[in-house]
Amino acid sequence: MTKNEFVDRVAAASGLSKKDAGSAVDAVISSVEAALGAGEEVNFTGFGKFHVAERGAREGRNPRTGETMTIAASKVPRFTAGSGLKKAVK
């Protein structure tokens, strides 16, 4: 499903116009991005939790040359599905 298809479904389910639904979806996405950028967790009870995880430095290999290199530590976004979402998928 693309973002446009998602906006269409939100508009149909909520009775909002596509423009208003698009603004709402954009606001939710930007709020989640801002919270994760600040190192906070975003928890939707029954749906899941977005959080930031630390990925440690590690050794990697250049596939072209086979040369060993160090990959720097980084922070990555993660999502853990909640029980309600897991049940809906089953």
C-alpha atoms as a PDB file:
ATOM      1  CA  MET A   1       0.000   0.000   0.000  1.00  0.00           C
ATOM      2  CA  THR A   2       1.353   3.405  -0.932  1.00  0.00           C
ATOM      3  CA  LYS A   3       0.944   6.590   1.070  1.00  0.00           C
ATOM      4  CA  ASN A   4      -1.738   7.829  -1.353  1.00  0.00           C
ATOM      5  CA  GLU A   5      -3.712   4.607  -0.958  1.00  0.00           C
ATOM      6  CA  PHE A   6      -3.371   4.917   2.814  1.00  0.00           C
ATOM      7  CA  VAL A   7      -4.648   8.508   2.709  1.00  0.00           C
ATOM      8  CA  ASP A   8      -7.616   7.344   0.607  1.00  0.00           C
ATOM      9  CA  ARG A   9      -8.489   4.694   3.214  1.00  0.00           C
ATOM     10  CA  VAL A  10      -8.158   7.186   6.086  1.00  0.00           C
ATOM     11  CA  ALA A  11     -10.421   9.632   4.225  1.00  0.00           C
ATOM     12  CA  ALA A  12     -13.029   6.940   3.580  1.00  0.00           C
ATOM     13  CA  ALA A  13     -12.968   5.624   7.156  1.00  0.00           C
ATOM     14  CA  SER A  14     -13.037   9.023   8.875  1.00  0.00           C
ATOM     15  CA  GLY A  15     -15.283  11.013   6.546  1.00  0.00           C
ATOM     16  CA  LEU A  16     -12.546  13.599   6.015  1.00  0.00           C
ATOM     17  CA  SER A  17     -11.675  15.039   2.639  1.00  0.00           C
ATOM     18  CA  LYS A  18      -8.581  13.602   0.965  1.00  0.00           C
ATOM     19  CA  LYS A  19      -6.759  16.871   1.596  1.00  0.00           C
ATOM     20  CA  ASP A  20      -7.580  16.840   5.319  1.00  0.00           C
ATOM     21  CA  ALA A  21      -6.751  13.129   5.615  1.00  0.00           C
ATOM     22  CA  GLY A  22      -3.421  13.753   3.849  1.00  0.00           C
ATOM     23  CA  SER A  23      -2.629  16.562   6.288  1.00  0.00           C
ATOM     24  CA  ALA A  24      -3.514  14.314   9.228  1.00  0.00           C
ATOM     25  CA  VAL A  25      -1.319  11.472   7.951  1.00  0.00           C
ATOM     26  CA  ASP A  26       1.567  13.888   7.342  1.00  0.00           C
ATOM     27  CA  ALA A  27       1.147  15.302  10.857  1.00  0.00           C
ATOM     28  CA  VAL A  28       1.264  11.826  12.424  1.00  0.00           C
ATOM     29  CA  ILE A  29       4.354  10.850  10.440  1.00  0.00           C
ATOM     30  CA  SER A  30       6.203  14.081  11.243  1.00  0.00           C
ATOM     31  CA  SER A  31       5.280  13.762  14.942  1.00  0.00           C
ATOM     32  CA  VAL A  32       6.669  10.222  15.078  1.00  0.00           C
ATOM     33  CA  GLU A  33       9.851  11.338  13.264  1.00  0.00           C
ATOM     34  CA  ALA A  34      10.325  14.268  15.662  1.00  0.00           C
ATOM     35  CA  ALA A  35       9.828  12.085  18.740  1.00  0.00           C
ATOM     36  CA  LEU A  36      12.264   9.443  17.492  1.00  0.00           C
ATOM     37  CA  GLY A  37      14.760  12.160  16.579  1.00  0.00           C
ATOM     38  CA  ALA A  38      14.588  13.374  20.182  1.00  0.00           C
ATOM     39  CA  GLY A  39      15.222   9.826  21.430  1.00  0.00           C
ATOM     40  CA  GLU A  40      11.659   9.285  22.699  1.00  0.00           C
ATOM     41  CA  GLU A  41       9.472   6.214  22.281  1.00  0.00           C
ATOM     42  CA  VAL A  42       6.087   6.378  20.545  1.00  0.00           C
ATOM     43  CA  ASN A  43       3.661   3.811  21.944  1.00  0.00           C
ATOM     44  CA  PHE A  44       0.221   3.071  20.483  1.00  0.00           C
ATOM     45  CA  THR A  45      -1.421   0.641  22.912  1.00  0.00           C
ATOM     46  CA  GLY A  46      -2.514  -2.504  21.098  1.00  0.00           C
ATOM     47  CA  PHE A  47      -0.798  -1.457  17.855  1.00  0.00           C
ATOM     48  CA  GLY A  48       2.894  -1.243  18.652  1.00  0.00           C
ATOM     49  CA  LYS A  49       5.876   0.801  19.721  1.00  0.00           C
ATOM     50  CA  PHE A  50       8.355   2.840  17.707  1.00  0.00           C
ATOM     51  CA  HIS A  51      11.733   3.307  19.388  1.00  0.00           C
ATOM     52  CA  VAL A  52      15.360   4.116  18.628  1.00  0.00           C
ATOM     53  CA  ALA A  53      17.937   1.330  18.917  1.00  0.00           C
ATOM     54  CA  GLU A  54      21.699   1.611  19.089  1.00  0.00           C
ATOM     55  CA  ARG A  55      23.573  -0.389  16.487  1.00  0.00           C
ATOM     56  CA  GLY A  56      27.161  -0.977  17.527  1.00  0.00           C
ATOM     57  CA  ALA A  57      30.227  -0.615  15.333  1.00  0.00           C
ATOM     58  CA  ARG A  58      31.070  -3.755  13.410  1.00  0.00           C
ATOM     59  CA  GLU A  59      33.386  -5.171  10.779  1.00  0.00           C
ATOM     60  CA  GLY A  60      32.103  -5.281   7.231  1.00  0.00           C
ATOM     61  CA  ARG A  61      33.453  -6.327   3.883  1.00  0.00           C
ATOM     62  CA  ASN A  62      33.431  -4.416   0.603  1.00  0.00           C
ATOM     63  CA  PRO A  63      31.711  -6.818  -1.827  1.00  0.00           C
ATOM     64  CA  ARG A  64      33.696  -5.535  -4.822  1.00  0.00           C
ATOM     65  CA  THR A  65      37.192  -5.648  -3.414  1.00  0.00           C
ATOM     66  CA  GLY A  66      36.779  -7.994  -0.457  1.00  0.00           C
ATOM     67  CA  GLU A  67      38.522  -5.388   1.693  1.00  0.00           C
ATOM     68  CA  THR A  68      37.619  -5.409   5.403  1.00  0.00           C
ATOM     69  CA  MET A  69      36.301  -2.116   6.767  1.00  0.00           C
ATOM     70  CA  THR A  70      34.767  -0.826   9.980  1.00  0.00           C
ATOM     71  CA  ILE A  71      31.124   0.208   9.888  1.00  0.00           C
ATOM     72  CA  ALA A  72      30.465   2.997  12.386  1.00  0.00           C
ATOM     73  CA  ALA A  73      27.949   2.757  15.218  1.00  0.00           C
ATOM     74  CA  SER A  74      24.551   4.285  14.466  1.00  0.00           C
ATOM     75  CA  LYS A  75      21.048   4.826  15.768  1.00  0.00           C
ATOM     76  CA  VAL A  76      18.207   3.151  13.859  1.00  0.00           C
ATOM     77  CA  PRO A  77      14.411   3.286  14.159  1.00  0.00           C
ATOM     78  CA  ARG A  78      12.690   0.067  15.225  1.00  0.00           C
ATOM     79  CA  PHE A  79       9.079  -1.038  15.484  1.00  0.00           C
ATOM     80  CA  THR A  80       7.736  -3.695  17.826  1.00  0.00           C
ATOM     81  CA  ALA A  81       4.233  -4.933  17.003  1.00  0.00           C
ATOM     82  CA  GLY A  82       1.641  -4.948  19.778  1.00  0.00           C
ATOM     83  CA  SER A  83      -0.737  -7.765  20.640  1.00  0.00           C
ATOM     84  CA  GLY A  84      -3.692  -6.208  18.797  1.00  0.00           C
ATOM     85  CA  LEU A  85      -1.716  -5.908  15.561  1.00  0.00           C
ATOM     86  CA  LYS A  86      -0.397  -9.450  15.894  1.00  0.00           C
ATOM     87  CA  LYS A  87      -3.945 -10.778  16.323  1.00  0.00           C
ATOM     88  CA  ALA A  88      -5.196  -8.778  13.323  1.00  0.00           C
ATOM     89  CA  VAL A  89      -2.482 -10.239  11.094  1.00  0.00           C
ATOM     90  CA  LYS A  90      -3.257 -13.839  12.114  1.00  0.00           C
END
